[in-house]
Amino acid sequence: MMNETLALVLALLAGLLLGAIFFGGLWWTIQKSVSSKRLALLFLGSLLLRISVALFGFYIVARGHWQRLLVCLLGFIIARVVVNWLIRPSRENQSRPAAEVSHAP
């Protein structure tokens, strides 16, 4: 009983870490896309790397136990909420109107 509880807690922590890597990596990719000359390569490479890390992490954590996989997924989703909360624009930036951008040459 205690070992399984510890395994579920570790699965939750692993899910939090995997989610932080996945969604933090997505945020980093978007930040770098502004100055990237190879935008498609950046997004495709980031997507493949992030998905590979997440799937491999889920596979290692689960070890054939659906309960661990479910708890790991819960941690992953919690990490998404936390990363979104951390990177949201501050209230003072939201009140300013966005600068007009001209896309015409």
N, C-alpha and C. Protein backbone atom coordinates (compact mmCIF):
# COMPACT_ATOMS: atom_id res chain seq x y z
N MET A 1 0.83 -1.19 0.00
CA MET A 1 0.00 0.00 0.00
C MET A 1 0.87 1.26 0.00
N MET A 2 1.86 1.30 0.89
CA MET A 2 2.72 2.47 0.97
C MET A 2 3.58 2.61 -0.28
N ASN A 3 4.06 1.49 -0.82
CA ASN A 3 4.87 1.54 -2.02
C ASN A 3 4.07 2.05 -3.21
N GLU A 4 2.80 1.63 -3.30
CA GLU A 4 1.96 2.09 -4.40
C GLU A 4 1.64 3.57 -4.25
N THR A 5 1.43 4.04 -3.04
CA THR A 5 1.19 5.46 -2.80
C THR A 5 2.41 6.27 -3.21
N LEU A 6 3.58 5.80 -2.84
CA LEU A 6 4.82 6.48 -3.22
C LEU A 6 4.97 6.49 -4.74
N ALA A 7 4.65 5.39 -5.39
CA ALA A 7 4.73 5.32 -6.84
C ALA A 7 3.78 6.32 -7.49
N LEU A 8 2.59 6.50 -6.94
CA LEU A 8 1.63 7.46 -7.50
C LEU A 8 2.09 8.90 -7.28
N VAL A 9 2.67 9.18 -6.13
CA VAL A 9 3.21 10.52 -5.86
C VAL A 9 4.36 10.82 -6.83
N LEU A 10 5.24 9.84 -7.03
CA LEU A 10 6.34 10.03 -7.97
C LEU A 10 5.83 10.18 -9.39
N ALA A 11 4.75 9.47 -9.74
CA ALA A 11 4.15 9.61 -11.06
C ALA A 11 3.58 11.01 -11.26
N LEU A 12 2.97 11.56 -10.21
CA LEU A 12 2.45 12.92 -10.27
C LEU A 12 3.58 13.92 -10.48
N LEU A 13 4.66 13.75 -9.72
CA LEU A 13 5.82 14.64 -9.87
C LEU A 13 6.44 14.53 -11.25
N ALA A 14 6.51 13.31 -11.76
CA ALA A 14 7.05 13.10 -13.11
C ALA A 14 6.15 13.77 -14.14
N GLY A 15 4.84 13.68 -13.95
CA GLY A 15 3.91 14.35 -14.86
C GLY A 15 4.06 15.86 -14.83
N LEU A 16 4.28 16.40 -13.64
CA LEU A 16 4.53 17.84 -13.52
C LEU A 16 5.80 18.23 -14.27
N LEU A 17 6.85 17.43 -14.12
CA LEU A 17 8.10 17.71 -14.81
C LEU A 17 7.94 17.58 -16.32
N LEU A 18 7.28 16.52 -16.78
CA LEU A 18 7.06 16.34 -18.21
C LEU A 18 6.23 17.48 -18.79
N GLY A 19 5.21 17.89 -18.07
CA GLY A 19 4.38 19.00 -18.52
C GLY A 19 5.15 20.30 -18.56
N ALA A 20 5.99 20.54 -17.56
CA ALA A 20 6.80 21.75 -17.54
C ALA A 20 7.76 21.77 -18.73
N ILE A 21 8.35 20.63 -19.03
CA ILE A 21 9.25 20.54 -20.18
C ILE A 21 8.47 20.76 -21.48
N PHE A 22 7.33 20.10 -21.61
CA PHE A 22 6.54 20.20 -22.84
C PHE A 22 6.03 21.62 -23.08
N PHE A 23 5.33 22.16 -22.10
CA PHE A 23 4.71 23.47 -22.29
C PHE A 23 5.71 24.61 -22.15
N GLY A 24 6.73 24.43 -21.32
CA GLY A 24 7.81 25.41 -21.28
C GLY A 24 8.57 25.43 -22.59
N GLY A 25 8.77 24.26 -23.17
CA GLY A 25 9.42 24.19 -24.48
C GLY A 25 8.59 24.83 -25.57
N LEU A 26 7.29 24.69 -25.49
CA LEU A 26 6.40 25.34 -26.44
C LEU A 26 6.50 26.86 -26.31
N TRP A 27 6.51 27.36 -25.09
CA TRP A 27 6.64 28.80 -24.86
C TRP A 27 7.98 29.29 -25.40
N TRP A 28 9.06 28.55 -25.14
CA TRP A 28 10.38 28.92 -25.63
C TRP A 28 10.39 28.96 -27.16
N THR A 29 9.77 27.96 -27.79
CA THR A 29 9.71 27.91 -29.25
C THR A 29 8.99 29.13 -29.81
N ILE A 30 7.90 29.50 -29.21
CA ILE A 30 7.15 30.67 -29.68
C ILE A 30 7.99 31.93 -29.51
N GLN A 31 8.72 32.05 -28.40
CA GLN A 31 9.58 33.21 -28.18
C GLN A 31 10.68 33.29 -29.24
N LYS A 32 11.27 32.15 -29.58
CA LYS A 32 12.35 32.11 -30.56
C LYS A 32 11.84 32.28 -31.99
N SER A 33 10.57 32.02 -32.22
CA SER A 33 10.03 32.08 -33.58
C SER A 33 10.05 33.50 -34.15
N VAL A 34 10.04 34.49 -33.28
CA VAL A 34 10.03 35.88 -33.73
C VAL A 34 11.28 36.20 -34.55
N SER A 35 12.41 35.66 -34.14
CA SER A 35 13.67 35.97 -34.82
C SER A 35 14.21 34.81 -35.66
N SER A 36 13.43 33.77 -35.84
CA SER A 36 13.90 32.60 -36.57
C SER A 36 13.81 32.79 -38.08
N LYS A 37 14.85 32.35 -38.76
CA LYS A 37 14.84 32.39 -40.23
C LYS A 37 14.29 31.09 -40.80
N ARG A 38 14.27 30.04 -40.00
CA ARG A 38 13.74 28.73 -40.41
C ARG A 38 12.60 28.34 -39.48
N LEU A 39 11.52 29.04 -39.64
CA LEU A 39 10.38 28.91 -38.73
C LEU A 39 9.79 27.51 -38.73
N ALA A 40 9.57 26.94 -39.91
CA ALA A 40 8.97 25.60 -40.01
C ALA A 40 9.85 24.55 -39.36
N LEU A 41 11.15 24.66 -39.59
CA LEU A 41 12.09 23.71 -38.99
C LEU A 41 12.10 23.84 -37.47
N LEU A 42 12.05 25.07 -36.98
CA LEU A 42 12.01 25.29 -35.53
C LEU A 42 10.77 24.65 -34.91
N PHE A 43 9.60 24.91 -35.49
CA PHE A 43 8.37 24.37 -34.92
C PHE A 43 8.29 22.85 -35.05
N LEU A 44 8.70 22.32 -36.19
CA LEU A 44 8.65 20.88 -36.38
C LEU A 44 9.64 20.17 -35.45
N GLY A 45 10.86 20.69 -35.37
CA GLY A 45 11.86 20.09 -34.48
C GLY A 45 11.43 20.15 -33.03
N SER A 46 10.89 21.29 -32.62
CA SER A 46 10.42 21.44 -31.24
C SER A 46 9.28 20.47 -30.94
N LEU A 47 8.33 20.39 -31.87
CA LEU A 47 7.19 19.48 -31.68
C LEU A 47 7.65 18.04 -31.54
N LEU A 48 8.52 17.60 -32.44
CA LEU A 48 9.00 16.21 -32.38
C LEU A 48 9.77 15.93 -31.10
N LEU A 49 10.61 16.86 -30.69
CA LEU A 49 11.38 16.68 -29.46
C LEU A 49 10.47 16.65 -28.23
N ARG A 50 9.55 17.59 -28.15
CA ARG A 50 8.65 17.66 -26.99
C ARG A 50 7.75 16.44 -26.89
N ILE A 51 7.19 16.01 -28.03
CA ILE A 51 6.33 14.82 -28.02
C ILE A 51 7.14 13.58 -27.67
N SER A 52 8.35 13.46 -28.20
CA SER A 52 9.19 12.29 -27.90
C SER A 52 9.51 12.21 -26.42
N VAL A 53 9.90 13.33 -25.83
CA VAL A 53 10.22 13.35 -24.40
C VAL A 53 8.98 12.99 -23.58
N ALA A 54 7.84 13.58 -23.92
CA ALA A 54 6.61 13.32 -23.15
C ALA A 54 6.19 11.86 -23.26
N LEU A 55 6.16 11.31 -24.46
CA LEU A 55 5.74 9.92 -24.62
C LEU A 55 6.70 8.95 -23.96
N PHE A 56 7.99 9.20 -24.10
CA PHE A 56 8.97 8.34 -23.44
C PHE A 56 8.82 8.42 -21.92
N GLY A 57 8.59 9.62 -21.41
CA GLY A 57 8.38 9.79 -19.97
C GLY A 57 7.15 9.06 -19.48
N PHE A 58 6.04 9.19 -20.22
CA PHE A 58 4.82 8.47 -19.84
C PHE A 58 5.05 6.96 -19.85
N TYR A 59 5.77 6.47 -20.85
CA TYR A 59 6.05 5.04 -20.96
C TYR A 59 6.88 4.55 -19.76
N ILE A 60 7.90 5.31 -19.40
CA ILE A 60 8.76 4.92 -18.28
C ILE A 60 7.99 4.96 -16.96
N VAL A 61 7.19 6.00 -16.77
CA VAL A 61 6.45 6.16 -15.50
C VAL A 61 5.40 5.07 -15.35
N ALA A 62 4.67 4.77 -16.42
CA ALA A 62 3.54 3.84 -16.32
C ALA A 62 3.98 2.43 -15.97
N ARG A 63 5.01 1.93 -16.62
CA ARG A 63 5.49 0.55 -16.38
C ARG A 63 4.35 -0.46 -16.34
N GLY A 64 3.38 -0.29 -17.22
CA GLY A 64 2.29 -1.25 -17.30
C GLY A 64 1.16 -1.02 -16.31
N HIS A 65 1.21 0.04 -15.53
CA HIS A 65 0.16 0.34 -14.55
C HIS A 65 -0.65 1.53 -15.03
N TRP A 66 -1.91 1.33 -15.33
CA TRP A 66 -2.74 2.40 -15.84
C TRP A 66 -2.95 3.51 -14.81
N GLN A 67 -2.91 3.15 -13.52
CA GLN A 67 -3.11 4.16 -12.48
C GLN A 67 -1.96 5.17 -12.49
N ARG A 68 -0.75 4.68 -12.66
CA ARG A 68 0.41 5.58 -12.71
C ARG A 68 0.34 6.48 -13.94
N LEU A 69 -0.09 5.90 -15.06
CA LEU A 69 -0.23 6.68 -16.28
C LEU A 69 -1.26 7.78 -16.10
N LEU A 70 -2.37 7.47 -15.47
CA LEU A 70 -3.43 8.44 -15.24
C LEU A 70 -2.96 9.57 -14.31
N VAL A 71 -2.26 9.22 -13.26
CA VAL A 71 -1.76 10.23 -12.32
C VAL A 71 -0.67 11.09 -12.98
N CYS A 72 0.15 10.46 -13.80
CA CYS A 72 1.17 11.21 -14.54
C CYS A 72 0.51 12.20 -15.50
N LEU A 73 -0.55 11.77 -16.16
CA LEU A 73 -1.29 12.66 -17.05
C LEU A 73 -1.92 13.81 -16.27
N LEU A 74 -2.40 13.54 -15.08
CA LEU A 74 -2.95 14.60 -14.23
C LEU A 74 -1.86 15.64 -13.91
N GLY A 75 -0.67 15.18 -13.57
CA GLY A 75 0.44 16.10 -13.32
C GLY A 75 0.79 16.91 -14.56
N PHE A 76 0.73 16.27 -15.72
CA PHE A 76 1.01 16.94 -16.99
C PHE A 76 0.01 18.08 -17.22
N ILE A 77 -1.27 17.81 -16.95
CA ILE A 77 -2.32 18.82 -17.13
C ILE A 77 -2.16 19.94 -16.11
N ILE A 78 -1.83 19.60 -14.88
CA ILE A 78 -1.59 20.63 -13.86
C ILE A 78 -0.43 21.53 -14.28
N ALA A 79 0.62 20.93 -14.84
CA ALA A 79 1.77 21.72 -15.30
C ALA A 79 1.34 22.68 -16.40
N ARG A 80 0.43 22.25 -17.26
CA ARG A 80 -0.07 23.14 -18.31
C ARG A 80 -0.72 24.38 -17.71
N VAL A 81 -1.55 24.17 -16.70
CA VAL A 81 -2.23 25.29 -16.05
C VAL A 81 -1.20 26.21 -15.38
N VAL A 82 -0.22 25.62 -14.72
CA VAL A 82 0.80 26.42 -14.03
C VAL A 82 1.64 27.22 -15.02
N VAL A 83 2.07 26.59 -16.10
CA VAL A 83 2.88 27.30 -17.10
C VAL A 83 2.05 28.43 -17.72
N ASN A 84 0.79 28.18 -18.04
CA ASN A 84 -0.07 29.24 -18.57
C ASN A 84 -0.20 30.39 -17.58
N TRP A 85 -0.32 30.07 -16.32
CA TRP A 85 -0.44 31.10 -15.29
C TRP A 85 0.85 31.90 -15.18
N LEU A 86 2.00 31.23 -15.27
CA LEU A 86 3.28 31.91 -15.13
C LEU A 86 3.62 32.81 -16.31
N ILE A 87 3.20 32.45 -17.50
CA ILE A 87 3.58 33.23 -18.67
C ILE A 87 2.52 34.22 -19.13
N ARG A 88 1.41 34.28 -18.45
CA ARG A 88 0.36 35.21 -18.87
C ARG A 88 0.87 36.65 -18.75
N PRO A 89 0.40 37.50 -19.64
CA PRO A 89 0.83 38.89 -19.56
C PRO A 89 0.31 39.55 -18.29
N SER A 90 1.07 40.50 -17.79
CA SER A 90 0.62 41.20 -16.59
C SER A 90 -0.59 42.07 -16.92
N ARG A 91 -1.32 42.47 -15.92
CA ARG A 91 -2.55 43.25 -16.12
C ARG A 91 -2.24 44.60 -16.78
N GLU A 92 -1.11 45.20 -16.44
CA GLU A 92 -0.81 46.50 -17.02
C GLU A 92 -0.51 46.38 -18.52
N ASN A 93 0.04 45.26 -18.96
CA ASN A 93 0.28 45.05 -20.38
C ASN A 93 -1.01 44.76 -21.12
N GLN A 94 -1.99 44.19 -20.45
CA GLN A 94 -3.26 43.88 -21.10
C GLN A 94 -4.08 45.13 -21.35
N SER A 95 -3.90 46.18 -20.52
CA SER A 95 -4.71 47.37 -20.65
C SER A 95 -4.21 48.28 -21.78
N ARG A 96 -2.97 48.12 -22.19
CA ARG A 96 -2.44 48.94 -23.28
C ARG A 96 -2.92 48.39 -24.62
N PRO A 97 -3.28 49.28 -25.53
CA PRO A 97 -3.66 48.79 -26.86
C PRO A 97 -2.42 48.27 -27.59
N ALA A 98 -2.63 47.25 -28.39
CA ALA A 98 -1.52 46.68 -29.12
C ALA A 98 -1.07 47.66 -30.20
N ALA A 99 0.23 47.69 -30.43
CA ALA A 99 0.77 48.56 -31.47
C ALA A 99 0.31 48.04 -32.83
N GLU A 100 -0.04 48.99 -33.70
CA GLU A 100 -0.49 48.59 -35.03
C GLU A 100 0.71 48.11 -35.83
N VAL A 101 0.52 46.98 -36.48
CA VAL A 101 1.60 46.38 -37.26
C VAL A 101 1.17 46.36 -38.71
N SER A 102 2.02 46.86 -39.57
CA SER A 102 1.74 46.85 -40.99
C SER A 102 2.47 45.67 -41.62
N HIS A 103 1.74 44.85 -42.32
CA HIS A 103 2.36 43.67 -42.97
C HIS A 103 2.61 43.93 -44.45
N ALA A 104 2.22 45.11 -44.92
CA ALA A 104 2.43 45.43 -46.33
C ALA A 104 3.88 45.84 -46.56
N PRO A 105 4.45 45.47 -47.70
CA PRO A 105 5.85 45.86 -47.96
C PRO A 105 5.99 47.32 -48.26
